[in-house]
Amino acid sequence: MLKNSLKLSSFALLMSFLNFIFFHIPFFSFVFSKVDYKSLNGVAIIISLIILMLVANAFVFYLIFFLSRVVGKFLLVLTFIISSIAVYFINTYSVIIDESMIGNILNTNYEESSNFFSIKLIFYVLFLGILPGIYIIKVKISTDPLKKFLITSSLTLLFMLIVVFANASNWLWIDKNSKTLGGLAMPWSYSVNTSLFYIHEYKKNEKEILLPNATIQNNEKSVVVLVIGESARSQNFSLYGYGKNTNPLLSKEQNIHSFKATSCATYTTAGVKCILEHTNTDDLYEILPNYLYRNNVEVIWRTTNWGEPPVHIKNYQNKESLMSGCKGKDCNYDEVLLSGLKEQIQASTKNKILIVLHTSTSHGPTYSKKYPSRFETFKPVCNSVELGNCSQQELINAYDNTIVYTDYLLYRVIEDLKQLKDYKSTMLFVSDHGESLGEKNLYMHGMPLSIAPKEQYEIPFIVWVSDSSQQLKPNTTLSQNHVFHSALHFLGIKSPVYKEDMNIFK
């Protein structure tokens, strides 16, 4: 039975113990999977991490509550609630709450985030967050004198330093696994990584670095349609040898080329940035649509998604603005991106046009809600947001149906381009990243690229060209950065940053 009145040091230890019990099963499951727990060194690592986890959290709680009871209670209640949500996602989707995942979370819109709602999440928040929070609010905590506080703090810091240096031989192991350990330690995973995310975002967005001016070399009418896929992995496309026919329309098209490709990252913001930039970098250089628009190319951006770098063009159309000119139930899906597209191209007064269609078709966890019912080719499907509750076959069926729908969308784009007889045209389909569907008990995406499985970074790179417009090089494996230079070449744009070896066209 928990006491209603506690000394500050006892309270800090109790909160650290509850934090340890409630939120660190995934952390130590990972540790046990990576060390030989039957060896003396393995036991030393495990015991040291348990001690450091308990003592470090208790020290921080002790420090905050000594400074302010009110602020301490508010922060601790908030911590337990956020940690309960975080550990739900870790347990349900096998994610790691590192800086890239924080970026994924902060850039997710309401429509996507609402898909994760479940009864299981409510139980996590209620029992691991709200109930402990009620006790934290009600408990009376006695004050420690300043002298006792200083002695306790000093001895605690000294003890932690001794434990750390006693494990000097294991620093290399900890450093090697630091990203995963840091992404599973509560509350540090989200508190530290959120701070790092905003620091890095501030640095990146201080000012977009402009590229050297480009020149249009000819007056030939040319249009490039870049379709950015969402969570599409190449191994589920029959164009890449998948056993199920997920590309019934594209497989019959002439002038279709599919290339092996990899993504720069396993989450949307970094993946989309890489597709649009001239080289893979942490700096924010001028992206393809901004660059071409500034150099007198017609640029149209249509999106049902989010997470792109800042887009500075005139014709930026999101789902809401596209819905006003679209009729029928299919407008609730990514087909809204195609509404009036051909007419918009024909209405342009410029000879060079770039269209970017940013889809959301294969974004989890509710794959079965991403396509109209007539595209439910493979059954039965998973309808739960808790993907572990579905059989892997149900999950894969639902995901494969999103690929069938993607096949249809790309076919529609190609059919529209075929009717533009005055234009030399091409369509490039490149996904932002891949997706895990239960392999190795992993779901969705967002794992650090250094440890991510191939399902999260092997992506489709599919190209269609109009008759006699261009031939393609015999490329083997492409990157997302090939898009920038290939678009420049196809549109006849001369630029100092252009790289011929990154162009897919002859």
Protein backbone atom coordinates (compact mmCIF):
# COMPACT_ATOMS: atom_id res chain seq x y z
CA MET A 1 0.00 0.00 0.00
CA LEU A 2 1.44 3.38 -0.98
CA LYS A 3 1.85 5.89 1.85
CA ASN A 4 0.16 9.30 1.71
CA SER A 5 3.18 11.06 3.21
CA LEU A 6 6.83 10.48 2.27
CA LYS A 7 10.26 11.99 2.72
CA LEU A 8 11.62 13.62 -0.42
CA SER A 9 14.37 11.00 -0.91
CA SER A 10 11.91 8.13 -0.37
CA PHE A 11 9.44 9.67 -2.83
CA ALA A 12 12.15 10.11 -5.48
CA LEU A 13 13.22 6.47 -5.11
CA LEU A 14 9.61 5.26 -5.25
CA MET A 15 8.90 7.24 -8.43
CA SER A 16 12.10 5.95 -10.00
CA PHE A 17 11.12 2.38 -9.10
CA LEU A 18 7.61 2.80 -10.60
CA ASN A 19 9.10 4.41 -13.71
CA PHE A 20 11.48 1.45 -13.97
CA ILE A 21 8.76 -1.21 -13.54
CA PHE A 22 6.16 0.44 -15.78
CA PHE A 23 8.25 1.62 -18.71
CA HIS A 24 11.49 -0.34 -19.06
CA ILE A 25 10.54 -3.87 -20.07
CA PRO A 26 11.35 -3.05 -23.76
CA PHE A 27 14.68 -1.50 -22.69
CA PHE A 28 15.85 -4.59 -20.84
CA SER A 29 14.37 -6.96 -23.41
CA PHE A 30 16.73 -5.31 -25.89
CA VAL A 31 19.67 -5.53 -23.44
CA PHE A 32 19.03 -9.24 -22.81
CA SER A 33 18.89 -9.85 -26.57
CA LYS A 34 22.28 -8.20 -27.12
CA VAL A 35 24.39 -9.52 -24.20
CA ASP A 36 25.34 -12.97 -23.02
CA TYR A 37 23.46 -12.80 -19.72
CA LYS A 38 24.99 -16.11 -18.65
CA SER A 39 28.50 -14.62 -18.68
CA LEU A 40 30.04 -12.55 -15.89
CA ASN A 41 30.44 -9.52 -18.18
CA GLY A 42 26.83 -9.78 -19.37
CA VAL A 43 25.56 -9.89 -15.78
CA ALA A 44 27.75 -6.86 -14.95
CA ILE A 45 26.23 -4.84 -17.84
CA ILE A 46 22.65 -5.71 -16.84
CA ILE A 47 23.13 -4.99 -13.12
CA SER A 48 24.97 -1.72 -13.87
CA LEU A 49 22.23 -0.52 -16.21
CA ILE A 50 19.53 -1.35 -13.64
CA ILE A 51 21.40 0.53 -10.90
CA LEU A 52 22.13 3.55 -13.13
CA MET A 53 18.53 3.65 -14.37
CA LEU A 54 17.11 3.65 -10.84
CA VAL A 55 19.65 6.03 -9.32
CA ALA A 56 19.81 8.53 -12.21
CA ASN A 57 16.03 8.91 -12.45
CA ALA A 58 15.71 9.16 -8.66
CA PHE A 59 18.39 11.87 -8.62
CA VAL A 60 16.61 13.95 -11.28
CA PHE A 61 13.23 13.57 -9.54
CA TYR A 62 14.87 14.49 -6.21
CA LEU A 63 16.46 17.61 -7.72
CA ILE A 64 13.27 18.84 -9.41
CA PHE A 65 11.07 18.29 -6.34
CA PHE A 66 13.60 20.00 -4.06
CA LEU A 67 13.42 23.10 -6.27
CA SER A 68 9.61 23.11 -6.59
CA ARG A 69 6.88 20.73 -5.43
CA VAL A 70 4.24 22.22 -7.77
CA VAL A 71 6.41 22.19 -10.89
CA GLY A 72 7.76 18.76 -9.91
CA LYS A 73 4.30 17.22 -9.60
CA PHE A 74 3.15 18.74 -12.89
CA LEU A 75 6.22 17.48 -14.76
CA LEU A 76 6.12 14.03 -13.17
CA VAL A 77 2.41 13.50 -13.95
CA LEU A 78 3.05 14.64 -17.53
CA THR A 79 6.07 12.30 -17.73
CA PHE A 80 4.07 9.25 -16.62
CA ILE A 81 1.29 9.99 -19.14
CA ILE A 82 3.69 10.56 -22.06
CA SER A 83 5.76 7.52 -21.07
CA SER A 84 2.61 5.36 -21.03
CA ILE A 85 1.83 6.46 -24.60
CA ALA A 86 5.45 5.97 -25.68
CA VAL A 87 5.71 2.45 -24.24
CA TYR A 88 2.37 1.55 -25.88
CA PHE A 89 3.84 2.40 -29.30
CA ILE A 90 7.09 0.62 -28.48
CA ASN A 91 5.26 -2.55 -27.42
CA THR A 92 2.65 -2.42 -30.19
CA TYR A 93 4.74 -1.33 -33.19
CA SER A 94 8.33 -2.07 -32.03
CA VAL A 95 9.36 1.53 -32.66
CA ILE A 96 12.31 3.31 -31.07
CA ILE A 97 11.71 6.85 -29.78
CA ASP A 98 14.86 8.42 -31.22
CA GLU A 99 15.23 11.85 -32.82
CA SER A 100 13.98 10.71 -36.23
CA MET A 101 10.86 9.16 -34.65
CA ILE A 102 10.23 12.41 -32.73
CA GLY A 103 10.32 14.22 -36.07
CA ASN A 104 7.89 11.68 -37.47
CA ILE A 105 5.52 12.21 -34.52
CA LEU A 106 5.68 16.02 -34.56
CA ASN A 107 5.03 16.15 -38.32
CA THR A 108 2.09 13.72 -38.27
CA ASN A 109 -1.23 15.40 -38.98
CA TYR A 110 -4.45 14.71 -37.07
CA GLU A 111 -5.91 12.45 -39.75
CA GLU A 112 -2.91 10.11 -39.55
CA SER A 113 -2.48 10.23 -35.77
CA SER A 114 -6.18 9.45 -35.14
CA ASN A 115 -5.67 6.12 -36.90
CA PHE A 116 -3.56 4.93 -33.96
CA PHE A 117 -6.40 5.28 -31.42
CA SER A 118 -7.34 2.02 -29.68
CA ILE A 119 -8.86 0.66 -26.45
CA LYS A 120 -5.47 -0.80 -25.56
CA LEU A 121 -3.96 2.69 -25.68
CA ILE A 122 -6.61 3.93 -23.24
CA PHE A 123 -5.70 1.17 -20.78
CA TYR A 124 -2.01 2.04 -21.04
CA VAL A 125 -2.68 5.72 -20.34
CA LEU A 126 -5.16 4.97 -17.55
CA PHE A 127 -3.16 2.40 -15.59
CA LEU A 128 0.40 3.55 -16.31
CA GLY A 129 -0.23 7.28 -16.57
CA ILE A 130 -3.38 8.64 -14.93
CA LEU A 131 -3.59 6.41 -11.83
CA PRO A 132 0.05 7.03 -10.81
CA GLY A 133 -0.59 10.71 -11.62
CA ILE A 134 -3.46 10.86 -9.12
CA TYR A 135 -1.19 9.45 -6.39
CA ILE A 136 1.58 11.94 -7.30
CA ILE A 137 -0.86 14.84 -6.97
CA LYS A 138 -2.26 13.66 -3.60
CA VAL A 139 0.91 12.51 -1.79
CA LYS A 140 2.49 14.86 0.75
CA ILE A 141 6.26 15.22 0.45
CA SER A 142 8.37 16.50 3.35
CA THR A 143 11.16 18.98 2.65
CA ASP A 144 14.84 18.13 3.04
CA PRO A 145 17.15 20.75 4.59
CA LEU A 146 19.65 22.31 2.19
CA LYS A 147 22.59 20.60 3.91
CA LYS A 148 21.01 17.15 3.51
CA PHE A 149 20.12 17.91 -0.10
CA LEU A 150 23.72 18.87 -0.93
CA ILE A 151 25.16 15.81 0.79
CA THR A 152 22.65 13.43 -0.83
CA SER A 153 23.17 14.96 -4.28
CA SER A 154 26.96 14.87 -4.02
CA LEU A 155 27.05 11.26 -2.85
CA THR A 156 24.58 10.21 -5.58
CA LEU A 157 26.66 11.85 -8.32
CA LEU A 158 29.82 10.27 -6.94
CA PHE A 159 28.15 6.86 -6.84
CA MET A 160 26.97 7.16 -10.48
CA LEU A 161 30.47 8.17 -11.60
CA ILE A 162 31.95 5.15 -9.83
CA VAL A 163 29.45 2.80 -11.54
CA VAL A 164 30.13 4.41 -14.93
CA PHE A 165 33.92 4.14 -14.65
CA ALA A 166 33.69 0.63 -13.22
CA ASN A 167 32.07 -0.29 -16.56
CA ALA A 168 34.78 1.34 -18.69
CA SER A 169 35.33 -1.98 -20.49
CA ASN A 170 31.67 -1.93 -21.62
CA TRP A 171 31.62 1.65 -22.95
CA LEU A 172 32.18 0.41 -26.50
CA TRP A 173 29.12 -1.89 -26.25
CA ILE A 174 27.00 0.94 -24.83
CA ASP A 175 28.20 3.36 -27.52
CA LYS A 176 27.45 0.82 -30.26
CA ASN A 177 23.87 0.42 -28.99
CA SER A 178 23.40 3.99 -27.74
CA LYS A 179 20.71 4.96 -30.26
CA THR A 180 18.48 2.06 -29.35
CA LEU A 181 19.18 2.30 -25.61
CA GLY A 182 18.49 6.03 -25.68
CA GLY A 183 15.31 5.47 -27.67
CA LEU A 184 13.92 3.01 -25.09
CA ALA A 185 14.93 4.73 -21.83
CA MET A 186 12.05 6.65 -20.26
CA PRO A 187 11.61 9.59 -20.01
CA TRP A 188 14.90 10.44 -21.71
CA SER A 189 13.96 8.97 -25.10
CA TYR A 190 11.36 11.62 -25.88
CA SER A 191 12.55 14.49 -23.65
CA VAL A 192 16.15 14.58 -24.88
CA ASN A 193 15.34 13.67 -28.49
CA THR A 194 12.57 16.29 -28.70
CA SER A 195 15.11 18.93 -27.64
CA LEU A 196 17.63 17.63 -30.19
CA PHE A 197 14.97 17.63 -32.91
CA TYR A 198 14.05 21.29 -32.36
CA ILE A 199 17.71 22.33 -32.11
CA HIS A 200 18.50 20.65 -35.43
CA GLU A 201 15.32 21.94 -37.07
CA TYR A 202 16.20 25.49 -36.04
CA LYS A 203 19.65 25.12 -37.55
CA LYS A 204 18.27 23.62 -40.77
CA ASN A 205 15.55 26.23 -41.26
CA GLU A 206 17.55 29.32 -40.46
CA LYS A 207 17.71 30.01 -44.19
CA GLU A 208 17.30 27.91 -47.32
CA ILE A 209 20.60 27.75 -49.21
CA LEU A 210 19.91 28.89 -52.78
CA LEU A 211 21.43 26.96 -55.65
CA PRO A 212 23.18 28.68 -58.60
CA ASN A 213 20.82 30.02 -61.25
CA ALA A 214 19.72 27.62 -63.99
CA THR A 215 18.83 28.23 -67.65
CA ILE A 216 16.19 26.65 -69.89
CA GLN A 217 18.00 25.36 -72.98
CA ASN A 218 15.10 24.81 -75.43
CA ASN A 219 11.41 25.51 -76.04
CA GLU A 220 10.34 21.87 -76.36
CA LYS A 221 7.16 21.18 -74.40
CA SER A 222 8.11 18.82 -71.58
CA VAL A 223 6.36 17.64 -68.44
CA VAL A 224 7.70 15.61 -65.52
CA VAL A 225 5.23 14.07 -63.07
CA LEU A 226 6.96 13.06 -59.86
CA VAL A 227 4.79 10.79 -57.71
CA ILE A 228 6.15 10.49 -54.17
CA GLY A 229 4.99 7.24 -52.64
CA GLU A 230 4.30 6.76 -48.94
CA SER A 231 5.64 3.68 -47.12
CA ALA A 232 5.82 1.68 -50.36
CA ARG A 233 8.39 -1.14 -50.26
CA SER A 234 9.61 -2.64 -53.51
CA GLN A 235 9.33 -6.30 -52.48
CA ASN A 236 5.50 -6.11 -52.60
CA PHE A 237 5.40 -4.88 -56.21
CA SER A 238 4.99 -7.62 -58.79
CA LEU A 239 7.14 -5.45 -61.08
CA TYR A 240 9.97 -6.42 -58.71
CA GLY A 241 9.15 -10.15 -58.79
CA TYR A 242 6.54 -10.36 -56.00
CA GLY A 243 4.47 -13.54 -56.22
CA LYS A 244 1.07 -11.81 -55.96
CA ASN A 245 -0.11 -9.67 -58.88
CA THR A 246 -0.10 -6.23 -57.24
CA ASN A 247 0.65 -4.42 -60.54
CA PRO A 248 -2.05 -5.68 -62.93
CA LEU A 249 -2.12 -2.43 -64.93
CA LEU A 250 1.49 -1.26 -64.96
CA SER A 251 2.70 -4.74 -65.94
CA LYS A 252 0.84 -4.31 -69.26
CA GLU A 253 2.17 -0.82 -69.98
CA GLN A 254 4.88 -0.22 -72.55
CA ASN A 255 7.84 2.03 -71.71
CA ILE A 256 7.71 1.07 -68.01
CA HIS A 257 11.05 0.64 -66.26
CA SER A 258 11.60 -0.43 -62.65
CA PHE A 259 14.90 0.02 -60.87
CA LYS A 260 16.22 -1.22 -57.55
CA ALA A 261 16.50 1.71 -55.17
CA THR A 262 17.15 2.60 -51.57
CA SER A 263 15.91 5.49 -49.44
CA CYS A 264 18.11 7.93 -47.51
CA ALA A 265 16.04 7.42 -44.35
CA THR A 266 13.15 5.41 -42.92
CA TYR A 267 10.78 8.29 -42.14
CA THR A 268 8.82 10.75 -44.25
CA THR A 269 10.46 14.12 -43.58
CA ALA A 270 13.99 12.95 -44.38
CA GLY A 271 12.86 10.68 -47.22
CA VAL A 272 10.91 13.40 -49.03
CA LYS A 273 13.74 15.90 -48.50
CA CYS A 274 16.17 13.45 -50.08
CA ILE A 275 13.93 12.92 -53.12
CA LEU A 276 13.78 16.66 -53.71
CA GLU A 277 17.38 17.73 -53.05
CA HIS A 278 20.41 17.61 -55.36
CA THR A 279 22.55 15.69 -52.86
CA ASN A 280 22.03 13.92 -49.54
CA THR A 281 22.96 16.44 -46.86
CA ASP A 282 21.88 17.65 -43.43
CA ASP A 283 21.83 21.22 -44.79
CA LEU A 284 18.64 22.71 -46.23
CA TYR A 285 19.49 23.44 -49.85
CA GLU A 286 16.91 24.72 -52.31
CA ILE A 287 14.70 21.76 -53.24
CA LEU A 288 13.67 20.80 -56.77
CA PRO A 289 10.20 22.48 -56.93
CA ASN A 290 11.50 25.74 -55.43
CA TYR A 291 14.55 25.74 -57.69
CA LEU A 292 12.61 25.14 -60.90
CA TYR A 293 9.87 27.61 -59.96
CA ARG A 294 12.49 30.31 -59.31
CA ASN A 295 13.97 29.56 -62.75
CA ASN A 296 10.72 30.05 -64.68
CA VAL A 297 9.39 26.46 -64.79
CA GLU A 298 5.69 25.80 -64.11
CA VAL A 299 5.54 23.87 -60.84
CA ILE A 300 2.39 22.29 -59.37
CA TRP A 301 2.40 20.50 -56.00
CA ARG A 302 -0.59 18.36 -55.00
CA THR A 303 -0.62 16.52 -51.68
CA THR A 304 -2.71 14.37 -49.36
CA ASN A 305 0.30 13.99 -47.09
CA TRP A 306 2.71 16.10 -45.00
CA GLY A 307 6.36 16.31 -44.00
CA GLU A 308 7.91 17.97 -47.05
CA PRO A 309 10.53 20.74 -46.65
CA PRO A 310 9.20 24.31 -47.12
CA VAL A 311 7.69 24.56 -50.63
CA HIS A 312 7.86 28.07 -52.15
CA ILE A 313 5.68 27.96 -55.27
CA LYS A 314 2.40 29.48 -56.43
CA ASN A 315 0.40 26.31 -57.16
CA TYR A 316 0.47 24.38 -53.87
CA GLN A 317 -2.73 22.35 -53.43
CA ASN A 318 -3.53 20.22 -50.37
CA LYS A 319 -6.31 17.67 -50.01
CA GLU A 320 -8.87 20.21 -48.81
CA SER A 321 -8.39 22.54 -51.79
CA LEU A 322 -8.45 19.60 -54.24
CA MET A 323 -11.68 18.21 -52.74
CA SER A 324 -13.63 21.31 -53.78
CA GLY A 325 -13.17 20.45 -57.46
CA CYS A 326 -13.57 16.67 -57.14
CA LYS A 327 -16.77 14.63 -57.24
CA GLY A 328 -17.53 11.10 -56.04
CA LYS A 329 -16.53 8.82 -53.16
CA ASP A 330 -13.09 8.19 -54.63
CA CYS A 331 -12.19 11.80 -53.82
CA ASN A 332 -11.77 10.67 -50.19
CA TYR A 333 -8.70 8.72 -51.31
CA ASP A 334 -5.52 9.61 -53.19
CA GLU A 335 -7.42 9.70 -56.46
CA VAL A 336 -8.26 13.30 -55.52
CA LEU A 337 -4.68 14.13 -56.59
CA LEU A 338 -5.62 13.37 -60.22
CA SER A 339 -8.77 15.49 -60.36
CA GLY A 340 -8.42 18.00 -63.21
CA LEU A 341 -4.66 17.34 -63.48
CA LYS A 342 -4.56 16.96 -67.26
CA GLU A 343 -6.58 20.14 -67.70
CA GLN A 344 -4.25 22.03 -65.34
CA ILE A 345 -1.26 20.99 -67.42
CA GLN A 346 -2.97 22.02 -70.66
CA ALA A 347 -3.86 25.41 -69.17
CA SER A 348 -0.23 26.23 -68.46
CA THR A 349 1.38 28.98 -70.51
CA LYS A 350 4.86 27.56 -70.02
CA ASN A 351 6.68 24.87 -71.97
CA LYS A 352 8.41 23.27 -68.98
CA ILE A 353 6.25 21.75 -66.25
CA LEU A 354 6.98 19.82 -63.06
CA ILE A 355 4.09 18.14 -61.25
CA VAL A 356 4.64 16.68 -57.77
CA LEU A 357 1.96 14.32 -56.40
CA HIS A 358 2.66 13.51 -52.74
CA THR A 359 0.52 10.48 -51.86
CA SER A 360 -0.35 8.81 -48.55
CA THR A 361 -1.58 5.49 -49.98
CA SER A 362 0.38 2.90 -47.99
CA HIS A 363 0.70 4.71 -44.65
CA GLY A 364 -0.10 2.49 -41.67
CA PRO A 365 -1.45 1.32 -39.43
CA THR A 366 -4.90 1.44 -41.09
CA TYR A 367 -3.87 0.14 -44.52
CA SER A 368 -7.39 -1.16 -45.21
CA LYS A 369 -8.74 2.41 -45.09
CA LYS A 370 -6.36 3.73 -47.72
CA TYR A 371 -8.16 2.44 -50.81
CA PRO A 372 -11.75 2.20 -52.15
CA SER A 373 -13.47 -1.13 -51.46
CA ARG A 374 -13.25 -2.25 -55.10
CA PHE A 375 -9.45 -2.49 -54.71
CA GLU A 376 -9.69 -5.05 -51.91
CA THR A 377 -8.18 -7.73 -54.14
CA PHE A 378 -6.57 -9.81 -51.40
CA LYS A 379 -8.60 -11.07 -48.45
CA PRO A 380 -8.99 -11.34 -45.49
CA VAL A 381 -7.48 -8.02 -44.38
CA CYS A 382 -6.34 -6.53 -41.10
CA ASN A 383 -8.72 -3.81 -39.87
CA SER A 384 -7.09 -3.22 -36.47
CA VAL A 385 -4.71 -0.40 -35.53
CA GLU A 386 -2.97 -2.91 -33.23
CA LEU A 387 -1.14 -4.73 -35.99
CA GLY A 388 0.11 -7.48 -33.68
CA ASN A 389 -3.50 -8.59 -33.20
CA CYS A 390 -3.80 -9.50 -36.89
CA SER A 391 -2.24 -12.48 -38.57
CA GLN A 392 0.69 -11.51 -40.76
CA GLN A 393 -1.23 -12.69 -43.82
CA GLU A 394 -4.16 -10.36 -43.02
CA LEU A 395 -1.72 -7.49 -42.54
CA ILE A 396 0.12 -8.21 -45.79
CA ASN A 397 -3.18 -8.56 -47.67
CA ALA A 398 -4.30 -5.11 -46.52
CA TYR A 399 -0.92 -3.62 -47.43
CA ASP A 400 -0.86 -5.36 -50.82
CA ASN A 401 -4.24 -3.81 -51.62
CA THR A 402 -2.67 -0.36 -51.14
CA ILE A 403 -0.08 -1.35 -53.75
CA VAL A 404 -2.86 -2.46 -56.13
CA TYR A 405 -4.43 0.98 -55.62
CA THR A 406 -1.05 2.67 -56.19
CA ASP A 407 -0.78 0.68 -59.43
CA TYR A 408 -4.13 2.13 -60.52
CA LEU A 409 -3.15 5.70 -59.61
CA LEU A 410 0.10 5.48 -61.58
CA TYR A 411 -1.78 3.95 -64.53
CA ARG A 412 -4.20 6.92 -64.44
CA VAL A 413 -1.29 9.38 -64.47
CA ILE A 414 0.23 7.62 -67.47
CA GLU A 415 -3.09 7.60 -69.37
CA ASP A 416 -3.44 11.35 -68.78
CA LEU A 417 0.09 11.98 -70.04
CA LYS A 418 -0.51 9.86 -73.15
CA GLN A 419 -3.26 12.27 -74.15
CA LEU A 420 -0.91 15.26 -74.02
CA LYS A 421 0.34 14.74 -77.57
CA ASP A 422 2.16 18.10 -77.67
CA TYR A 423 4.34 17.20 -74.68
CA LYS A 424 7.34 15.00 -74.16
CA SER A 425 6.42 13.43 -70.82
CA THR A 426 7.68 11.15 -68.08
CA MET A 427 6.40 9.85 -64.77
CA LEU A 428 8.74 9.02 -61.89
CA PHE A 429 7.39 7.08 -58.92
CA VAL A 430 9.70 6.99 -55.89
CA SER A 431 8.74 6.11 -52.32
CA ASP A 432 9.89 8.10 -49.27
CA HIS A 433 10.81 4.86 -47.42
CA GLY A 434 9.68 1.26 -47.02
CA GLU A 435 7.60 -0.53 -44.39
CA SER A 436 7.89 -3.42 -41.94
CA LEU A 437 4.91 -5.79 -41.83
CA GLY A 438 5.71 -7.99 -38.84
CA GLU A 439 9.07 -9.30 -40.03
CA LYS A 440 11.32 -9.74 -36.98
CA ASN A 441 8.32 -8.50 -34.99
CA LEU A 442 8.73 -4.99 -36.43
CA TYR A 443 5.90 -2.85 -37.78
CA MET A 444 5.68 0.25 -39.94
CA HIS A 445 8.88 2.34 -40.22
CA GLY A 446 11.15 4.83 -38.47
CA MET A 447 13.98 2.58 -37.27
CA PRO A 448 17.43 4.25 -37.37
CA LEU A 449 18.83 3.53 -40.85
CA SER A 450 21.97 1.94 -39.39
CA ILE A 451 19.93 -0.89 -37.83
CA ALA A 452 16.76 -0.79 -39.96
CA PRO A 453 15.74 -3.97 -41.83
CA LYS A 454 15.76 -3.88 -45.63
CA GLU A 455 11.94 -3.73 -45.69
CA GLN A 456 12.17 -0.14 -44.39
CA TYR A 457 14.64 1.22 -46.99
CA GLU A 458 14.34 -0.88 -50.19
CA ILE A 459 11.92 1.18 -52.29
CA PRO A 460 10.40 1.19 -55.79
CA PHE A 461 11.78 3.56 -58.42
CA ILE A 462 9.43 3.20 -61.40
CA VAL A 463 9.75 5.27 -64.58
CA TRP A 464 7.45 5.69 -67.57
CA VAL A 465 8.39 7.72 -70.65
CA SER A 466 6.25 8.76 -73.60
CA ASP A 467 7.00 7.19 -76.97
CA SER A 468 10.37 8.19 -78.48
CA SER A 469 10.95 10.90 -75.85
CA GLN A 470 13.93 9.44 -74.02
CA GLN A 471 15.77 6.21 -73.54
CA LEU A 472 17.03 5.20 -70.11
CA LYS A 473 20.52 4.23 -69.04
CA PRO A 474 21.03 0.62 -67.93
CA ASN A 475 21.09 1.65 -64.28
CA THR A 476 21.35 -0.95 -61.53
CA THR A 477 20.61 0.53 -58.11
CA LEU A 478 19.37 4.11 -57.79
CA SER A 479 19.08 6.55 -54.90
CA GLN A 480 16.40 9.13 -54.19
CA ASN A 481 18.86 11.87 -55.25
CA HIS A 482 18.67 10.62 -58.85
CA VAL A 483 15.27 12.35 -59.12
CA PHE A 484 16.65 15.91 -59.00
CA HIS A 485 19.20 15.49 -61.79
CA SER A 486 16.95 13.32 -63.96
CA ALA A 487 14.18 15.94 -63.82
CA LEU A 488 16.63 18.68 -64.83
CA HIS A 489 17.88 16.63 -67.80
CA PHE A 490 14.40 15.68 -69.03
CA LEU A 491 13.16 19.29 -68.88
CA GLY A 492 16.28 20.59 -70.64
CA ILE A 493 17.49 22.66 -67.68
CA LYS A 494 21.19 23.56 -67.51
CA SER A 495 22.55 24.03 -63.99
CA PRO A 496 25.99 24.19 -62.30
CA VAL A 497 24.80 21.61 -59.76
CA TYR A 498 23.69 19.08 -62.39
CA LYS A 499 25.48 15.72 -62.29
CA GLU A 500 25.30 13.53 -65.38
CA ASP A 501 26.08 10.37 -63.43
CA MET A 502 22.95 11.00 -61.31
CA ASN A 503 20.72 11.29 -64.41
CA ILE A 504 18.79 8.13 -65.37
CA PHE A 505 18.12 9.21 -68.98
CA LYS A 506 20.48 8.79 -71.96
